[in-house]
């Protein structure tokens, strides 16, 4: 298929080695952050927090989170231009959704007199919340939507990436107190690959055939 989007996605691969000397421009970062902000979520809940690891100090902290496991991903902590921690709120509450509604009112999406009515959508949260107020499975699912959206944007910008579920959420919570109330189960390294060492870049793209995964009814 000949289309620019398909060409960009064909080129995209999970980077195995980054060139630490190459950095994402401020202009591209601004696009990435805005794209993350615009990511969709169920009932527009936005139950996430994105921690951008950019400074040497933050990279060292992230590097240290691999002390106990997933050491195969540790090399990306310092070599990647940036890494984003995609974290989800484990106990998303009515007050969190009220913040969303208040923004809706400010932007004119919702009329002030309809505020109470807007809370009707919170039923979707209640359906996914246990007796202890934990709805982490649901909020985590929303965060993966943002992850996929970000990876697609990176591909369009010609920026390489590595999604990493191989992260230690307990150590991340300990070393990144900025995540209080949130849990990070997946991170996204991004930057530019080392052409000499990134063996995955040279391998052919391999996916199941459309006929095996898509059924049109």
N, C-alpha and C. Protein backbone atom coordinates (compact mmCIF):
# COMPACT_ATOMS: atom_id res chain seq x y z
N UNK A 1 0.84 -1.19 0.00
CA UNK A 1 0.00 0.00 0.00
C UNK A 1 0.88 1.25 0.00
N UNK A 2 0.54 2.19 -0.84
CA UNK A 2 1.32 3.42 -0.95
C UNK A 2 0.58 4.57 -0.26
N UNK A 3 1.06 4.93 0.92
CA UNK A 3 0.50 6.06 1.66
C UNK A 3 1.55 6.51 2.67
N UNK A 4 1.65 7.81 2.91
CA UNK A 4 2.68 8.34 3.78
C UNK A 4 2.59 7.77 5.19
N UNK A 5 1.36 7.63 5.71
CA UNK A 5 1.21 7.09 7.06
C UNK A 5 1.72 5.66 7.13
N UNK A 6 1.38 4.85 6.13
CA UNK A 6 1.84 3.46 6.11
C UNK A 6 3.35 3.39 5.98
N UNK A 7 3.92 4.26 5.17
CA UNK A 7 5.38 4.31 5.01
C UNK A 7 6.05 4.58 6.35
N UNK A 8 5.50 5.53 7.11
CA UNK A 8 6.07 5.88 8.41
C UNK A 8 5.95 4.74 9.40
N UNK A 9 4.82 4.04 9.37
CA UNK A 9 4.63 2.92 10.29
C UNK A 9 5.46 1.71 9.89
N UNK A 10 5.67 1.55 8.60
CA UNK A 10 6.55 0.46 8.13
C UNK A 10 7.98 0.67 8.63
N UNK A 11 8.39 1.91 8.68
CA UNK A 11 9.76 2.24 9.10
C UNK A 11 9.92 2.10 10.61
N UNK A 12 8.82 2.31 11.35
CA UNK A 12 8.89 2.27 12.80
C UNK A 12 9.29 0.89 13.33
N UNK A 13 10.16 0.86 14.31
CA UNK A 13 10.56 -0.40 14.93
C UNK A 13 10.92 -0.14 16.39
N UNK A 14 10.96 -1.18 17.17
CA UNK A 14 11.37 -1.05 18.57
C UNK A 14 12.89 -0.98 18.63
N UNK A 15 13.39 0.15 19.04
CA UNK A 15 14.84 0.38 19.05
C UNK A 15 15.51 -0.45 20.15
N UNK A 16 16.63 -1.05 19.80
CA UNK A 16 17.41 -1.85 20.77
C UNK A 16 18.63 -1.10 21.28
N UNK A 17 19.10 -0.11 20.51
CA UNK A 17 20.24 0.71 20.94
C UNK A 17 20.04 2.13 20.46
N UNK A 18 20.21 3.09 21.38
CA UNK A 18 20.06 4.51 21.05
C UNK A 18 21.42 5.18 20.89
N UNK A 19 21.42 6.25 20.11
CA UNK A 19 22.59 7.10 19.98
C UNK A 19 22.44 8.21 21.02
N UNK A 20 23.21 8.12 22.09
CA UNK A 20 23.08 9.05 23.22
C UNK A 20 23.45 10.48 22.85
N UNK A 21 24.11 10.67 21.72
CA UNK A 21 24.53 12.02 21.33
C UNK A 21 23.42 12.79 20.60
N UNK A 22 22.34 12.10 20.26
CA UNK A 22 21.26 12.75 19.51
C UNK A 22 20.08 13.03 20.42
N UNK A 23 19.52 14.23 20.29
CA UNK A 23 18.44 14.65 21.18
C UNK A 23 17.25 15.17 20.38
N UNK A 24 16.09 14.97 20.93
CA UNK A 24 14.85 15.45 20.31
C UNK A 24 14.78 16.96 20.48
N UNK A 25 14.40 17.65 19.43
CA UNK A 25 14.34 19.11 19.47
C UNK A 25 13.19 19.59 20.35
N UNK A 26 13.31 20.81 20.83
CA UNK A 26 12.26 21.40 21.65
C UNK A 26 10.96 21.52 20.87
N UNK A 27 11.07 21.81 19.58
CA UNK A 27 9.87 21.95 18.75
C UNK A 27 9.13 20.62 18.64
N UNK A 28 9.87 19.53 18.44
CA UNK A 28 9.23 18.21 18.36
C UNK A 28 8.66 17.79 19.72
N UNK A 29 9.37 18.12 20.79
CA UNK A 29 8.86 17.77 22.12
C UNK A 29 7.53 18.46 22.39
N UNK A 30 7.40 19.70 21.95
CA UNK A 30 6.15 20.43 22.15
C UNK A 30 5.00 19.72 21.44
N UNK A 31 5.27 19.20 20.24
CA UNK A 31 4.24 18.46 19.50
C UNK A 31 3.88 17.17 20.24
N UNK A 32 4.89 16.48 20.72
CA UNK A 32 4.68 15.21 21.42
C UNK A 32 3.83 15.43 22.67
N UNK A 33 4.18 16.44 23.45
CA UNK A 33 3.44 16.70 24.69
C UNK A 33 1.99 17.08 24.40
N UNK A 34 1.78 17.89 23.38
CA UNK A 34 0.41 18.29 23.04
C UNK A 34 -0.38 17.09 22.53
N UNK A 35 0.27 16.21 21.77
CA UNK A 35 -0.40 15.00 21.29
C UNK A 35 -0.80 14.10 22.47
N UNK A 36 0.08 14.00 23.46
CA UNK A 36 -0.24 13.22 24.65
C UNK A 36 -1.45 13.81 25.36
N UNK A 37 -1.47 15.12 25.48
CA UNK A 37 -2.57 15.81 26.15
C UNK A 37 -3.89 15.59 25.44
N UNK A 38 -3.83 15.47 24.12
CA UNK A 38 -5.04 15.30 23.31
C UNK A 38 -5.49 13.85 23.18
N UNK A 39 -4.79 12.93 23.83
CA UNK A 39 -5.15 11.52 23.75
C UNK A 39 -6.56 11.29 24.29
N UNK A 40 -7.32 10.41 23.66
CA UNK A 40 -8.67 10.11 24.15
C UNK A 40 -8.65 9.17 25.35
N UNK A 41 -9.73 9.20 26.12
CA UNK A 41 -9.88 8.27 27.25
C UNK A 41 -11.37 8.11 27.52
N UNK A 42 -11.73 7.02 28.16
CA UNK A 42 -13.13 6.76 28.47
C UNK A 42 -13.70 7.91 29.30
N UNK A 43 -14.87 8.39 28.92
CA UNK A 43 -15.57 9.53 29.51
C UNK A 43 -14.66 10.75 29.66
N UNK A 44 -13.61 10.80 28.85
CA UNK A 44 -12.64 11.90 28.90
C UNK A 44 -12.04 12.03 30.30
N UNK A 45 -11.85 10.90 30.95
CA UNK A 45 -11.41 10.87 32.35
C UNK A 45 -9.97 11.37 32.55
N UNK A 46 -9.11 11.08 31.57
CA UNK A 46 -7.70 11.51 31.63
C UNK A 46 -7.05 11.13 32.97
N UNK A 47 -7.12 9.83 33.34
CA UNK A 47 -6.65 9.42 34.67
C UNK A 47 -5.15 9.15 34.71
N UNK A 48 -4.38 10.02 34.10
CA UNK A 48 -2.95 9.74 33.92
C UNK A 48 -2.07 10.87 34.37
N UNK A 49 -0.79 10.54 34.48
CA UNK A 49 0.26 11.52 34.69
C UNK A 49 1.45 11.07 33.86
N UNK A 50 2.06 12.02 33.16
CA UNK A 50 3.21 11.71 32.31
C UNK A 50 4.45 12.37 32.90
N UNK A 51 5.40 11.57 33.31
CA UNK A 51 6.66 12.09 33.83
C UNK A 51 7.70 11.99 32.71
N UNK A 52 8.25 13.13 32.31
CA UNK A 52 9.24 13.17 31.24
C UNK A 52 10.64 13.16 31.85
N UNK A 53 11.40 12.14 31.53
CA UNK A 53 12.76 12.01 32.04
C UNK A 53 13.71 12.63 31.02
N UNK A 54 14.31 13.74 31.39
CA UNK A 54 15.13 14.51 30.46
C UNK A 54 16.51 14.83 31.02
N UNK A 55 16.57 15.24 32.29
CA UNK A 55 17.84 15.66 32.89
C UNK A 55 18.71 14.45 33.23
N UNK A 56 19.99 14.70 33.41
CA UNK A 56 20.90 13.62 33.79
C UNK A 56 20.51 13.05 35.15
N UNK A 57 20.03 13.91 36.05
CA UNK A 57 19.62 13.45 37.38
C UNK A 57 18.42 12.51 37.28
N UNK A 58 17.44 12.87 36.46
CA UNK A 58 16.25 12.02 36.30
C UNK A 58 16.62 10.72 35.60
N UNK A 59 17.53 10.80 34.63
CA UNK A 59 17.96 9.59 33.93
C UNK A 59 18.66 8.63 34.88
N UNK A 60 19.43 9.18 35.81
CA UNK A 60 20.11 8.33 36.79
C UNK A 60 19.09 7.67 37.70
N UNK A 61 18.08 8.42 38.10
CA UNK A 61 17.03 7.84 38.94
C UNK A 61 16.32 6.69 38.22
N UNK A 62 16.01 6.93 36.94
CA UNK A 62 15.34 5.88 36.17
C UNK A 62 16.26 4.68 36.00
N UNK A 63 17.53 4.95 35.74
CA UNK A 63 18.53 3.88 35.62
C UNK A 63 18.53 3.02 36.88
N UNK A 64 18.40 3.65 38.04
CA UNK A 64 18.46 2.93 39.31
C UNK A 64 17.22 2.07 39.56
N UNK A 65 16.13 2.33 38.84
CA UNK A 65 14.92 1.52 39.04
C UNK A 65 15.06 0.11 38.48
N UNK A 66 16.13 -0.13 37.74
CA UNK A 66 16.36 -1.46 37.17
C UNK A 66 17.30 -2.30 38.05
N UNK A 67 17.47 -1.90 39.30
CA UNK A 67 18.41 -2.59 40.18
C UNK A 67 18.04 -4.04 40.42
N UNK A 68 16.74 -4.34 40.45
CA UNK A 68 16.30 -5.69 40.83
C UNK A 68 15.86 -6.56 39.66
N UNK A 69 15.40 -5.96 38.59
CA UNK A 69 14.91 -6.75 37.46
C UNK A 69 14.80 -5.90 36.20
N UNK A 70 14.56 -6.58 35.10
CA UNK A 70 14.41 -5.95 33.79
C UNK A 70 15.66 -5.20 33.35
N UNK A 71 16.82 -5.73 33.71
CA UNK A 71 18.08 -5.05 33.37
C UNK A 71 18.29 -4.89 31.87
N UNK A 72 17.61 -5.69 31.06
CA UNK A 72 17.76 -5.57 29.61
C UNK A 72 17.28 -4.23 29.09
N UNK A 73 16.44 -3.55 29.84
CA UNK A 73 15.97 -2.22 29.43
C UNK A 73 16.78 -1.09 30.06
N UNK A 74 17.66 -1.42 30.98
CA UNK A 74 18.39 -0.39 31.72
C UNK A 74 19.24 0.50 30.81
N UNK A 75 19.77 -0.07 29.74
CA UNK A 75 20.64 0.69 28.85
C UNK A 75 19.93 1.88 28.21
N UNK A 76 18.61 1.80 28.09
CA UNK A 76 17.87 2.89 27.46
C UNK A 76 17.72 4.10 28.40
N UNK A 77 17.88 3.87 29.69
CA UNK A 77 17.63 4.93 30.67
C UNK A 77 18.49 6.16 30.42
N UNK A 78 19.74 5.95 30.06
CA UNK A 78 20.65 7.07 29.84
C UNK A 78 20.91 7.35 28.37
N UNK A 79 20.75 6.34 27.52
CA UNK A 79 21.07 6.53 26.09
C UNK A 79 19.94 7.22 25.32
N UNK A 80 18.70 6.95 25.69
CA UNK A 80 17.58 7.58 24.98
C UNK A 80 17.57 9.08 25.24
N UNK A 81 17.12 9.84 24.26
CA UNK A 81 17.03 11.29 24.45
C UNK A 81 16.11 11.62 25.61
N UNK A 82 14.93 11.00 25.63
CA UNK A 82 13.94 11.21 26.67
C UNK A 82 13.22 9.88 26.94
N UNK A 83 12.70 9.74 28.11
CA UNK A 83 11.82 8.62 28.44
C UNK A 83 10.59 9.18 29.14
N UNK A 84 9.44 8.66 28.78
CA UNK A 84 8.20 9.09 29.41
C UNK A 84 7.64 7.96 30.26
N UNK A 85 7.36 8.27 31.51
CA UNK A 85 6.69 7.32 32.38
C UNK A 85 5.19 7.54 32.23
N UNK A 86 4.50 6.54 31.74
CA UNK A 86 3.05 6.61 31.58
C UNK A 86 2.41 6.02 32.84
N UNK A 87 1.89 6.88 33.68
CA UNK A 87 1.35 6.43 34.96
C UNK A 87 -0.16 6.65 35.03
N UNK A 88 -0.83 5.78 35.74
CA UNK A 88 -2.28 5.86 35.88
C UNK A 88 -2.66 5.99 37.34
N UNK A 89 -3.71 6.73 37.61
CA UNK A 89 -4.19 6.89 38.97
C UNK A 89 -4.85 5.60 39.41
N UNK A 90 -4.45 5.08 40.55
CA UNK A 90 -4.97 3.78 40.99
C UNK A 90 -6.33 3.88 41.66
N UNK A 91 -6.66 5.06 42.18
CA UNK A 91 -7.95 5.26 42.85
C UNK A 91 -8.58 6.55 42.29
N UNK A 92 -9.07 6.43 41.07
CA UNK A 92 -9.68 7.58 40.40
C UNK A 92 -11.03 7.84 41.04
N UNK A 93 -11.21 9.07 41.55
CA UNK A 93 -12.40 9.38 42.35
C UNK A 93 -13.27 10.45 41.69
N UNK A 94 -14.40 10.67 42.32
CA UNK A 94 -15.36 11.65 41.81
C UNK A 94 -14.73 13.05 41.73
N UNK A 95 -13.87 13.36 42.69
CA UNK A 95 -13.20 14.66 42.68
C UNK A 95 -12.29 14.82 41.47
N UNK A 96 -11.68 13.73 41.04
CA UNK A 96 -10.83 13.77 39.84
C UNK A 96 -11.66 14.08 38.61
N UNK A 97 -12.83 13.46 38.55
CA UNK A 97 -13.69 13.70 37.39
C UNK A 97 -14.29 15.11 37.44
N UNK A 98 -14.48 15.63 38.64
CA UNK A 98 -14.99 17.00 38.75
C UNK A 98 -14.00 17.99 38.15
N UNK A 99 -12.71 17.72 38.29
CA UNK A 99 -11.70 18.58 37.66
C UNK A 99 -11.89 18.61 36.15
N UNK A 100 -12.21 17.45 35.57
CA UNK A 100 -12.45 17.37 34.13
C UNK A 100 -13.69 18.18 33.75
N UNK A 101 -14.74 18.01 34.52
CA UNK A 101 -15.98 18.74 34.24
C UNK A 101 -15.77 20.24 34.35
N UNK A 102 -15.01 20.66 35.34
CA UNK A 102 -14.75 22.09 35.51
C UNK A 102 -14.03 22.67 34.30
N UNK A 103 -13.09 21.90 33.74
CA UNK A 103 -12.41 22.35 32.52
C UNK A 103 -13.41 22.40 31.36
N UNK A 104 -14.30 21.40 31.30
CA UNK A 104 -15.34 21.40 30.27
C UNK A 104 -16.17 22.68 30.33
N UNK A 105 -16.47 23.12 31.55
CA UNK A 105 -17.26 24.33 31.72
C UNK A 105 -16.46 25.56 31.28
N UNK A 106 -15.18 25.57 31.62
CA UNK A 106 -14.32 26.70 31.26
C UNK A 106 -14.18 26.83 29.74
N UNK A 107 -14.13 25.71 29.06
CA UNK A 107 -13.95 25.73 27.61
C UNK A 107 -15.26 25.88 26.85
N UNK A 108 -16.38 25.82 27.57
CA UNK A 108 -17.67 25.95 26.92
C UNK A 108 -18.26 24.65 26.42
N UNK A 109 -17.59 23.55 26.72
CA UNK A 109 -18.11 22.25 26.29
C UNK A 109 -19.37 21.88 27.08
N UNK A 110 -19.37 22.25 28.36
CA UNK A 110 -20.50 21.96 29.24
C UNK A 110 -21.02 23.26 29.84
N UNK A 111 -22.32 23.40 29.90
CA UNK A 111 -22.91 24.58 30.51
C UNK A 111 -22.87 24.43 32.03
N UNK A 112 -22.59 25.51 32.76
CA UNK A 112 -22.50 25.42 34.22
C UNK A 112 -23.72 24.78 34.87
N UNK A 113 -24.90 25.06 34.34
CA UNK A 113 -26.12 24.51 34.93
C UNK A 113 -26.26 22.99 34.71
N UNK A 114 -25.42 22.45 33.83
CA UNK A 114 -25.47 21.00 33.55
C UNK A 114 -24.38 20.23 34.27
N UNK A 115 -23.70 20.87 35.21
CA UNK A 115 -22.58 20.21 35.90
C UNK A 115 -23.01 18.93 36.60
N UNK A 116 -24.06 18.99 37.39
CA UNK A 116 -24.51 17.80 38.13
C UNK A 116 -24.89 16.68 37.17
N UNK A 117 -25.53 17.03 36.07
CA UNK A 117 -25.93 16.04 35.08
C UNK A 117 -24.71 15.34 34.46
N UNK A 118 -23.62 16.08 34.34
CA UNK A 118 -22.41 15.53 33.72
C UNK A 118 -21.81 14.38 34.52
N UNK A 119 -22.09 14.35 35.81
CA UNK A 119 -21.55 13.28 36.66
C UNK A 119 -22.19 11.93 36.34
N UNK A 120 -23.21 11.91 35.51
CA UNK A 120 -23.83 10.64 35.14
C UNK A 120 -22.84 9.70 34.48
N UNK A 121 -21.88 10.26 33.75
CA UNK A 121 -20.88 9.43 33.08
C UNK A 121 -19.96 8.72 34.06
N UNK A 122 -19.93 9.19 35.29
CA UNK A 122 -19.04 8.58 36.29
C UNK A 122 -19.47 7.15 36.61
N UNK A 123 -20.64 6.76 36.14
CA UNK A 123 -21.10 5.38 36.33
C UNK A 123 -20.12 4.39 35.72
N UNK A 124 -19.43 4.81 34.64
CA UNK A 124 -18.45 3.92 34.02
C UNK A 124 -17.28 3.66 34.96
N UNK A 125 -16.95 4.66 35.77
CA UNK A 125 -15.89 4.48 36.76
C UNK A 125 -16.37 3.55 37.86
N UNK A 126 -17.58 3.80 38.34
CA UNK A 126 -18.12 2.96 39.42
C UNK A 126 -18.15 1.49 39.03
N UNK A 127 -18.46 1.21 37.78
CA UNK A 127 -18.53 -0.18 37.32
C UNK A 127 -17.17 -0.87 37.36
N UNK A 128 -16.11 -0.08 37.40
CA UNK A 128 -14.75 -0.64 37.37
C UNK A 128 -13.98 -0.38 38.66
N UNK A 129 -14.71 -0.08 39.73
CA UNK A 129 -14.09 0.24 41.02
C UNK A 129 -14.48 -0.79 42.06
N UNK A 130 -13.49 -1.29 42.81
CA UNK A 130 -13.80 -2.29 43.84
C UNK A 130 -14.18 -1.60 45.15
N UNK A 131 -14.42 -2.40 46.18
CA UNK A 131 -14.90 -1.86 47.46
C UNK A 131 -13.87 -0.97 48.14
N UNK A 132 -12.60 -1.11 47.78
CA UNK A 132 -11.54 -0.29 48.35
C UNK A 132 -11.27 0.97 47.53
N UNK A 133 -12.08 1.17 46.49
CA UNK A 133 -11.91 2.36 45.66
C UNK A 133 -10.83 2.21 44.60
N UNK A 134 -10.34 0.99 44.42
CA UNK A 134 -9.28 0.75 43.43
C UNK A 134 -9.89 0.50 42.05
N UNK A 135 -9.45 1.27 41.08
CA UNK A 135 -9.88 1.06 39.70
C UNK A 135 -8.69 1.10 38.74
N UNK A 136 -7.55 0.61 39.25
CA UNK A 136 -6.30 0.68 38.51
C UNK A 136 -6.35 -0.05 37.17
N UNK A 137 -7.07 -1.17 37.10
CA UNK A 137 -7.13 -1.91 35.84
C UNK A 137 -7.78 -1.06 34.75
N UNK A 138 -8.81 -0.31 35.15
CA UNK A 138 -9.52 0.55 34.19
C UNK A 138 -8.67 1.76 33.80
N UNK A 139 -8.06 2.41 34.77
CA UNK A 139 -7.25 3.59 34.46
C UNK A 139 -6.00 3.21 33.67
N UNK A 140 -5.46 2.03 33.95
CA UNK A 140 -4.30 1.57 33.20
C UNK A 140 -4.65 1.40 31.72
N UNK A 141 -5.84 0.89 31.46
CA UNK A 141 -6.28 0.72 30.07
C UNK A 141 -6.35 2.05 29.35
N UNK A 142 -6.78 3.10 30.03
CA UNK A 142 -6.85 4.42 29.41
C UNK A 142 -5.45 4.92 29.06
N UNK A 143 -4.51 4.62 29.95
CA UNK A 143 -3.14 5.09 29.75
C UNK A 143 -2.51 4.45 28.52
N UNK A 144 -2.88 3.21 28.22
CA UNK A 144 -2.34 2.56 27.03
C UNK A 144 -2.86 3.20 25.75
N UNK A 145 -4.02 3.83 25.81
CA UNK A 145 -4.50 4.57 24.65
C UNK A 145 -3.55 5.73 24.38
N UNK A 146 -3.15 6.43 25.44
CA UNK A 146 -2.22 7.54 25.30
C UNK A 146 -0.86 7.06 24.80
N UNK A 147 -0.44 5.90 25.27
CA UNK A 147 0.83 5.33 24.81
C UNK A 147 0.80 5.07 23.32
N UNK A 148 -0.25 4.42 22.84
CA UNK A 148 -0.36 4.13 21.41
C UNK A 148 -0.41 5.39 20.58
N UNK A 149 -1.15 6.38 21.05
CA UNK A 149 -1.24 7.64 20.33
C UNK A 149 0.13 8.30 20.23
N UNK A 150 0.89 8.28 21.32
CA UNK A 150 2.22 8.89 21.34
C UNK A 150 3.17 8.17 20.40
N UNK A 151 3.13 6.85 20.38
CA UNK A 151 4.01 6.09 19.49
C UNK A 151 3.71 6.40 18.03
N UNK A 152 2.43 6.57 17.71
CA UNK A 152 2.06 6.90 16.33
C UNK A 152 2.59 8.28 15.95
N UNK A 153 2.48 9.23 16.86
CA UNK A 153 2.98 10.57 16.60
C UNK A 153 4.50 10.55 16.41
N UNK A 154 5.20 9.79 17.23
CA UNK A 154 6.65 9.68 17.09
C UNK A 154 7.02 9.14 15.72
N UNK A 155 6.29 8.13 15.27
CA UNK A 155 6.57 7.56 13.95
C UNK A 155 6.39 8.62 12.86
N UNK A 156 5.38 9.45 12.99
CA UNK A 156 5.11 10.49 12.01
C UNK A 156 6.20 11.57 12.04
N UNK A 157 6.81 11.77 13.20
CA UNK A 157 7.87 12.77 13.33
C UNK A 157 9.24 12.21 12.98
N UNK A 158 9.32 10.91 12.71
CA UNK A 158 10.61 10.30 12.40
C UNK A 158 11.48 10.10 13.63
N UNK A 159 10.83 9.97 14.79
CA UNK A 159 11.55 9.77 16.05
C UNK A 159 11.38 8.32 16.48
N UNK A 160 12.47 7.69 16.89
CA UNK A 160 12.45 6.28 17.28
C UNK A 160 11.92 6.11 18.70
N UNK A 161 11.46 4.91 19.00
CA UNK A 161 10.92 4.67 20.34
C UNK A 161 11.03 3.21 20.75
N UNK A 162 10.92 3.00 22.06
CA UNK A 162 10.93 1.65 22.64
C UNK A 162 9.92 1.59 23.77
N UNK A 163 8.77 0.95 23.55
CA UNK A 163 7.82 0.78 24.67
C UNK A 163 8.36 -0.27 25.62
N UNK A 164 8.29 0.02 26.92
CA UNK A 164 8.88 -0.88 27.91
C UNK A 164 7.89 -1.21 29.02
N UNK A 165 7.32 -2.42 28.95
CA UNK A 165 6.55 -2.92 30.09
C UNK A 165 7.50 -3.54 31.10
N UNK A 166 8.73 -3.76 30.70
CA UNK A 166 9.74 -4.29 31.60
C UNK A 166 10.29 -3.20 32.48
N UNK A 167 9.45 -2.71 33.38
CA UNK A 167 9.86 -1.70 34.36
C UNK A 167 9.36 -2.12 35.74
N UNK A 168 10.05 -1.71 36.75
CA UNK A 168 9.72 -2.08 38.13
C UNK A 168 8.87 -0.97 38.74
N UNK A 169 7.55 -1.15 38.74
CA UNK A 169 6.67 -0.07 39.20
C UNK A 169 6.87 0.26 40.67
N UNK A 170 7.31 -0.71 41.46
CA UNK A 170 7.52 -0.45 42.88
C UNK A 170 8.72 0.46 43.11
N UNK A 171 9.82 0.18 42.42
CA UNK A 171 11.00 1.03 42.55
C UNK A 171 10.78 2.39 41.91
N UNK A 172 10.02 2.41 40.83
CA UNK A 172 9.70 3.68 40.19
C UNK A 172 8.91 4.56 41.16
N UNK A 173 7.95 3.98 41.85
CA UNK A 173 7.17 4.74 42.82
C UNK A 173 8.05 5.26 43.96
N UNK A 174 9.04 4.45 44.33
CA UNK A 174 9.94 4.84 45.41
C UNK A 174 10.88 5.97 45.00
N UNK A 175 11.42 5.88 43.79
CA UNK A 175 12.43 6.84 43.34
C UNK A 175 11.85 8.06 42.64
N UNK A 176 10.57 7.99 42.30
CA UNK A 176 9.90 9.13 41.69
C UNK A 176 8.67 9.51 42.53
N UNK A 177 8.90 10.21 43.64
CA UNK A 177 7.79 10.61 44.51
C UNK A 177 6.79 11.52 43.81
N UNK A 178 7.18 12.07 42.66
CA UNK A 178 6.27 12.89 41.87
C UNK A 178 5.04 12.10 41.42
N UNK A 179 5.11 10.77 41.51
CA UNK A 179 4.02 9.91 41.06
C UNK A 179 3.06 9.50 42.17
N UNK A 180 3.11 10.18 43.29
CA UNK A 180 2.25 9.80 44.40
C UNK A 180 0.78 9.69 43.96
N UNK A 181 0.18 8.54 44.23
CA UNK A 181 -1.19 8.30 43.82
C UNK A 181 -1.32 7.68 42.45
N UNK A 182 -0.21 7.58 41.75
CA UNK A 182 -0.19 7.03 40.39
C UNK A 182 0.78 5.86 40.33
N UNK A 183 0.57 4.96 39.38
CA UNK A 183 1.44 3.80 39.20
C UNK A 183 1.90 3.72 37.76
N UNK A 184 3.19 3.50 37.58
CA UNK A 184 3.75 3.39 36.24
C UNK A 184 4.06 1.93 35.92
N UNK A 185 3.35 1.37 34.95
CA UNK A 185 3.59 0.00 34.51
C UNK A 185 4.21 -0.05 33.12
N UNK A 186 4.34 1.09 32.48
CA UNK A 186 4.93 1.11 31.14
C UNK A 186 5.61 2.45 30.92
N UNK A 187 6.76 2.41 30.26
CA UNK A 187 7.51 3.62 29.93
C UNK A 187 7.84 3.60 28.45
N UNK A 188 8.12 4.76 27.91
CA UNK A 188 8.43 4.87 26.49
C UNK A 188 9.73 5.63 26.31
N UNK A 189 10.78 4.90 25.92
CA UNK A 189 12.05 5.55 25.58
C UNK A 189 11.92 6.10 24.17
N UNK A 190 12.53 7.25 23.92
CA UNK A 190 12.44 7.82 22.58
C UNK A 190 13.69 8.64 22.28
N UNK A 191 14.01 8.71 21.00
CA UNK A 191 15.22 9.39 20.55
C UNK A 191 15.57 8.94 19.15
N UNK A 192 16.85 8.65 18.95
CA UNK A 192 17.31 8.23 17.62
C UNK A 192 18.24 7.03 17.77
N UNK A 193 18.01 6.03 16.96
CA UNK A 193 18.75 4.79 17.12
C UNK A 193 20.21 4.91 16.72
N UNK A 194 21.01 4.01 17.26
CA UNK A 194 22.41 3.88 16.86
C UNK A 194 22.43 2.91 15.68
N UNK A 195 22.64 3.44 14.49
CA UNK A 195 22.54 2.63 13.27
C UNK A 195 23.50 1.45 13.26
N UNK A 196 24.63 1.58 13.95
CA UNK A 196 25.62 0.50 13.94
C UNK A 196 25.27 -0.63 14.89
N UNK A 197 24.50 -0.33 15.94
CA UNK A 197 24.23 -1.35 16.96
C UNK A 197 22.77 -1.80 17.01
N UNK A 198 21.91 -1.02 16.44
CA UNK A 198 20.48 -1.35 16.51
C UNK A 198 20.12 -2.40 15.45
N UNK A 199 20.31 -3.64 15.80
CA UNK A 199 20.09 -4.74 14.85
C UNK A 199 18.65 -4.82 14.37
N UNK A 200 17.72 -4.37 15.20
CA UNK A 200 16.31 -4.50 14.86
C UNK A 200 15.92 -3.60 13.68
N UNK A 201 16.69 -2.54 13.46
CA UNK A 201 16.37 -1.60 12.39
C UNK A 201 16.51 -2.25 11.01
N UNK A 202 17.42 -3.20 10.90
CA UNK A 202 17.69 -3.81 9.60
C UNK A 202 16.79 -5.01 9.30
N UNK A 203 16.07 -5.48 10.29
CA UNK A 203 15.23 -6.65 10.08
C UNK A 203 13.94 -6.27 9.35
N UNK A 204 13.43 -7.17 8.50
CA UNK A 204 12.20 -6.86 7.77
C UNK A 204 11.01 -6.80 8.72
N UNK A 205 10.04 -5.96 8.37
CA UNK A 205 8.82 -5.85 9.16
C UNK A 205 8.06 -7.17 9.08
N UNK A 206 7.57 -7.64 10.21
CA UNK A 206 6.85 -8.92 10.22
C UNK A 206 5.56 -8.79 11.01
N UNK A 207 4.43 -8.93 10.32
CA UNK A 207 3.12 -8.89 10.96
C UNK A 207 2.22 -9.93 10.31
N UNK A 208 1.19 -10.36 11.04
CA UNK A 208 0.22 -11.27 10.46
C UNK A 208 -0.50 -10.59 9.30
N UNK A 209 -1.00 -11.40 8.36
CA UNK A 209 -1.70 -10.85 7.20
C UNK A 209 -3.03 -10.24 7.62
N UNK A 210 -3.47 -9.23 6.87
CA UNK A 210 -4.73 -8.56 7.17
C UNK A 210 -5.89 -9.56 7.23
N UNK A 211 -5.88 -10.53 6.31
CA UNK A 211 -6.98 -11.51 6.27
C UNK A 211 -7.04 -12.36 7.53
N UNK A 212 -5.94 -12.44 8.25
CA UNK A 212 -5.90 -13.26 9.48
C UNK A 212 -6.34 -12.49 10.72
N UNK A 213 -6.41 -11.17 10.63
CA UNK A 213 -6.74 -10.39 11.82
C UNK A 213 -7.93 -9.45 11.64
N UNK A 214 -8.32 -9.18 10.40
CA UNK A 214 -9.42 -8.26 10.14
C UNK A 214 -10.58 -9.01 9.50
N UNK A 215 -11.75 -8.89 10.11
CA UNK A 215 -12.96 -9.50 9.55
C UNK A 215 -13.99 -8.40 9.31
N UNK A 216 -14.32 -8.19 8.05
CA UNK A 216 -15.32 -7.18 7.69
C UNK A 216 -16.68 -7.87 7.57
N UNK A 217 -17.65 -7.42 8.30
CA UNK A 217 -18.97 -8.04 8.31
C UNK A 217 -19.99 -7.16 7.57
